[in-house]
N, C-alpha and C. Protein backbone atom coordinates (compact mmCIF):
# COMPACT_ATOMS: atom_id res chain seq x y z
N UNK A 1 79.60 101.99 108.89
CA UNK A 1 80.43 103.11 108.17
C UNK A 1 81.39 102.42 107.20
N UNK A 2 82.29 101.48 107.65
CA UNK A 2 83.30 100.78 106.86
C UNK A 2 82.66 100.46 105.60
N UNK A 3 81.48 99.91 105.60
CA UNK A 3 81.01 99.21 104.44
C UNK A 3 80.60 100.25 103.35
N UNK A 4 80.35 101.56 103.68
CA UNK A 4 79.91 102.52 102.77
C UNK A 4 81.23 103.04 102.07
N UNK A 5 82.45 103.02 102.59
CA UNK A 5 83.60 103.60 101.99
C UNK A 5 84.05 102.70 100.74
N UNK A 6 84.65 103.33 99.74
CA UNK A 6 85.36 102.51 98.77
C UNK A 6 86.62 101.79 99.36
N UNK A 7 86.85 100.58 98.79
CA UNK A 7 87.84 99.82 99.38
C UNK A 7 89.22 100.64 99.20
N UNK A 8 89.46 101.28 98.27
CA UNK A 8 90.63 102.09 98.12
C UNK A 8 90.88 103.13 99.19
N UNK A 9 89.70 103.76 99.62
CA UNK A 9 89.84 104.69 100.65
C UNK A 9 90.13 103.88 102.03
N UNK A 10 89.30 102.90 102.23
CA UNK A 10 89.64 102.11 103.49
C UNK A 10 91.12 101.72 103.53
N UNK A 11 91.66 101.16 102.42
CA UNK A 11 92.94 100.74 102.54
C UNK A 11 93.99 101.82 102.72
N UNK A 12 93.64 103.04 102.23
CA UNK A 12 94.69 104.12 102.47
C UNK A 12 94.64 104.58 103.92
N UNK A 13 93.46 104.56 104.45
CA UNK A 13 93.30 105.01 105.92
C UNK A 13 94.10 104.05 106.78
N UNK A 14 93.85 102.58 106.48
CA UNK A 14 94.70 101.56 107.24
C UNK A 14 96.10 101.82 107.24
N UNK A 15 96.60 102.25 106.07
CA UNK A 15 98.06 102.36 106.13
C UNK A 15 98.69 103.23 107.07
N UNK A 16 97.97 104.10 107.49
CA UNK A 16 98.44 105.06 108.61
C UNK A 16 98.53 104.59 109.97
N UNK A 17 98.08 103.40 110.24
CA UNK A 17 98.01 102.77 111.49
C UNK A 17 99.23 102.13 111.65
N UNK A 18 99.53 101.78 112.88
CA UNK A 18 100.51 101.03 113.40
C UNK A 18 100.15 99.39 113.08
N UNK A 19 101.06 98.49 113.07
CA UNK A 19 100.83 97.16 112.78
C UNK A 19 99.95 96.54 114.12
N UNK A 20 100.13 96.92 115.13
CA UNK A 20 99.40 96.57 116.49
C UNK A 20 97.87 97.25 116.22
N UNK A 21 97.67 98.32 115.66
CA UNK A 21 96.35 98.90 115.41
C UNK A 21 95.62 98.10 114.37
N UNK A 22 96.34 97.71 113.30
CA UNK A 22 95.71 96.95 112.30
C UNK A 22 95.21 95.61 112.81
N UNK A 23 96.06 94.89 113.64
CA UNK A 23 95.79 93.76 114.28
C UNK A 23 94.52 93.92 115.36
N UNK A 24 94.41 95.11 115.78
CA UNK A 24 93.38 95.31 116.82
C UNK A 24 92.01 95.49 115.95
N UNK A 25 92.04 96.20 114.83
CA UNK A 25 90.91 96.30 114.04
C UNK A 25 90.31 94.98 113.56
N UNK A 26 91.31 93.98 113.20
CA UNK A 26 90.97 92.80 112.87
C UNK A 26 90.13 92.10 113.97
N UNK A 27 90.66 92.19 115.25
CA UNK A 27 89.93 91.52 116.30
C UNK A 27 88.52 92.18 116.73
N UNK A 28 88.39 93.44 116.28
CA UNK A 28 87.34 94.15 117.00
C UNK A 28 86.01 93.99 115.99
N UNK A 29 86.20 94.02 114.69
CA UNK A 29 85.12 94.05 113.83
C UNK A 29 85.31 93.06 112.61
N UNK A 30 84.42 92.21 112.31
CA UNK A 30 84.51 91.24 111.39
C UNK A 30 84.71 91.76 109.96
N UNK A 31 84.01 92.97 109.70
CA UNK A 31 84.27 93.61 108.44
C UNK A 31 85.53 94.22 108.11
N UNK A 32 86.22 94.75 109.28
CA UNK A 32 87.73 95.13 109.16
C UNK A 32 88.46 94.05 108.99
N UNK A 33 88.31 92.84 109.55
CA UNK A 33 88.93 91.56 109.33
C UNK A 33 89.08 91.07 107.89
N UNK A 34 87.65 91.20 107.49
CA UNK A 34 87.48 90.57 106.03
C UNK A 34 88.26 91.58 105.10
N UNK A 35 88.17 92.86 105.08
CA UNK A 35 88.90 93.63 104.27
C UNK A 35 90.41 93.63 104.38
N UNK A 36 90.84 93.53 105.63
CA UNK A 36 92.27 93.40 105.67
C UNK A 36 92.79 91.98 105.20
N UNK A 37 92.19 91.01 105.61
CA UNK A 37 92.53 89.62 105.02
C UNK A 37 92.58 89.51 103.49
N UNK A 38 91.46 90.15 102.86
CA UNK A 38 91.30 90.01 101.53
C UNK A 38 92.27 90.98 100.65
N UNK A 39 92.89 91.85 101.29
CA UNK A 39 93.80 92.78 100.92
C UNK A 39 95.13 92.85 101.61
N UNK A 40 95.46 91.67 102.20
CA UNK A 40 96.66 91.63 103.17
C UNK A 40 97.94 92.14 102.42
N UNK A 41 98.30 91.74 101.28
CA UNK A 41 99.55 92.29 100.84
C UNK A 41 99.67 93.82 100.79
N UNK A 42 98.32 94.31 100.11
CA UNK A 42 98.37 95.80 99.90
C UNK A 42 98.46 96.41 101.27
N UNK A 43 97.71 96.02 102.23
CA UNK A 43 97.64 96.62 103.65
C UNK A 43 98.99 96.66 104.35
N UNK A 44 99.62 95.53 104.21
CA UNK A 44 101.06 95.34 104.91
C UNK A 44 102.09 96.08 104.32
N UNK A 45 102.06 96.01 102.87
CA UNK A 45 103.07 96.84 102.13
C UNK A 45 102.90 98.42 102.50
N UNK A 46 101.79 98.84 102.51
CA UNK A 46 101.44 100.27 102.84
C UNK A 46 101.93 100.60 104.30
N UNK A 47 101.63 99.68 105.25
CA UNK A 47 102.19 99.94 106.65
C UNK A 47 103.72 99.88 106.61
N UNK A 48 104.26 99.04 105.79
CA UNK A 48 105.85 98.85 105.78
C UNK A 48 106.38 100.09 105.14
N UNK A 49 105.82 100.71 104.12
CA UNK A 49 106.33 101.95 103.45
C UNK A 49 106.14 103.18 104.57
N UNK A 50 104.94 103.15 105.03
CA UNK A 50 104.48 104.52 105.88
C UNK A 50 105.40 104.43 107.33
N UNK A 51 105.84 103.39 107.62
CA UNK A 51 106.57 103.27 108.91
C UNK A 51 108.05 103.02 108.74
N UNK A 52 108.39 103.18 107.54
CA UNK A 52 109.90 103.09 107.28
C UNK A 52 110.56 101.85 107.03
N UNK A 53 109.83 100.61 107.03
CA UNK A 53 110.41 99.30 106.89
C UNK A 53 111.08 99.26 105.58
N UNK A 54 110.56 99.80 104.45
CA UNK A 54 110.86 99.79 103.03
C UNK A 54 110.62 101.08 102.41
N UNK A 55 111.37 101.24 101.29
CA UNK A 55 111.22 102.37 100.63
C UNK A 55 110.01 102.10 99.55
N UNK A 56 109.49 103.26 99.10
CA UNK A 56 108.25 103.11 98.01
C UNK A 56 108.89 102.41 96.83
N UNK A 57 107.99 101.59 96.21
CA UNK A 57 108.47 100.76 95.12
C UNK A 57 109.53 99.65 95.26
N UNK A 58 109.89 99.42 96.47
CA UNK A 58 110.75 98.35 96.77
C UNK A 58 110.05 96.95 96.89
N UNK A 59 110.72 96.05 96.15
CA UNK A 59 110.02 94.62 96.19
C UNK A 59 110.21 93.89 97.43
N UNK A 60 109.55 92.90 97.67
CA UNK A 60 109.83 92.22 98.98
C UNK A 60 111.22 91.60 98.79
N UNK A 61 111.50 91.05 97.58
CA UNK A 61 112.94 90.46 97.60
C UNK A 61 113.98 91.62 97.90
N UNK A 62 113.87 92.73 97.26
CA UNK A 62 114.87 93.86 97.50
C UNK A 62 114.72 94.28 99.07
N UNK A 63 113.72 94.11 99.77
CA UNK A 63 113.75 94.29 101.21
C UNK A 63 114.50 93.39 101.92
N UNK A 64 114.61 92.04 101.40
CA UNK A 64 115.45 90.99 102.03
C UNK A 64 117.00 91.63 102.12
N UNK A 65 117.42 92.33 101.18
CA UNK A 65 118.58 92.73 100.96
C UNK A 65 118.88 93.83 101.82
N UNK A 66 117.84 94.57 102.29
CA UNK A 66 118.24 95.70 102.94
C UNK A 66 117.54 95.53 104.34
N UNK A 67 117.26 94.18 104.74
CA UNK A 67 116.60 94.07 106.12
C UNK A 67 117.41 94.46 107.30
N UNK A 68 116.67 94.97 108.19
CA UNK A 68 117.15 95.50 109.33
C UNK A 68 117.67 94.33 110.31
N UNK A 69 118.62 94.60 111.31
CA UNK A 69 119.15 93.69 112.09
C UNK A 69 118.17 93.26 113.17
N UNK A 70 117.00 93.60 113.12
CA UNK A 70 115.93 93.26 114.13
C UNK A 70 115.26 91.97 113.68
N UNK A 71 115.66 91.17 112.75
CA UNK A 71 115.08 89.94 112.37
C UNK A 71 114.01 90.13 111.25
N UNK A 72 113.91 91.18 110.42
CA UNK A 72 113.06 91.27 109.36
C UNK A 72 113.58 90.37 108.13
N UNK A 73 114.72 90.12 108.22
CA UNK A 73 115.48 89.28 107.11
C UNK A 73 114.73 87.93 106.84
N UNK A 74 114.24 87.46 105.59
CA UNK A 74 113.82 86.18 105.32
C UNK A 74 112.10 86.37 105.51
N UNK A 75 111.59 87.30 105.46
CA UNK A 75 110.16 87.41 105.25
C UNK A 75 109.69 86.86 104.02
N UNK A 76 108.49 86.02 104.06
CA UNK A 76 107.91 85.47 102.99
C UNK A 76 106.74 86.33 102.37
N UNK A 77 106.31 87.25 103.18
CA UNK A 77 105.30 88.14 102.87
C UNK A 77 105.35 89.50 103.49
N UNK A 78 104.52 90.58 102.99
CA UNK A 78 104.80 91.91 103.64
C UNK A 78 104.34 91.86 105.08
N UNK A 79 103.36 90.83 105.40
CA UNK A 79 102.73 90.80 106.62
C UNK A 79 103.97 90.38 107.84
N UNK A 80 104.80 89.32 107.20
CA UNK A 80 105.92 88.64 107.94
C UNK A 80 106.88 89.78 108.19
N UNK A 81 107.09 90.62 107.13
CA UNK A 81 108.25 91.65 107.19
C UNK A 81 107.87 92.73 108.37
N UNK A 82 106.62 92.97 108.35
CA UNK A 82 106.00 94.06 109.36
C UNK A 82 106.13 93.48 110.79
N UNK A 83 105.89 92.25 110.99
CA UNK A 83 105.71 91.54 112.25
C UNK A 83 107.23 91.55 112.77
């Protein structure tokens, strides 16, 4: 089924899942893993926005300035920021 959806739709769907669920999708099916890996920055940026880690249109550099006290400061990628 995943292969029949346009990539944009798949990425939109993924953005509503938690970080743990995204990781689970990667472990469960190789096609999910391939899509997530090839679109990693987009997937994790959308997760960060939808789960309140950052504001829409905020750059990774700006996110460093507004990093939460829970250790999100200093992330080198959107994935690191979400983790």
